[in-house]
């Protein structure tokens, strides 16, 4: 049974950075794709970034140039480096892989 565990969220000021991590515990094999989604209060969950097993990435337009997704296939981990954070990035961020969701980690950007 695969379990995804996120870490790295927190409270930061606008312009600062955070790095989210997600480990797929109990996984079997390399996930075809791993991704980060987010859900702000009152809004639908949306894709932030996605990376395939061969390293192909895609990003939401709102985060292009600021966020970078990466993965470590051997460790079954995926990361999200978030720079130049804005208040509108405030949301619960979820890891997605192996058709599973993590429990989410809160990111709050506020002055």
Foldseek 3Di string as FASTA:
>chain_A
DWAKAKDWADEEAAQAKIKMKIFTPPDDAFWQKKFKWWDDPPGDIGTAKMAGPVGDMDGDPVQPPFKDKDADRVRRMIMIIGGRDDQVVFTWMWMDTPNDIHPTDTHGYHD
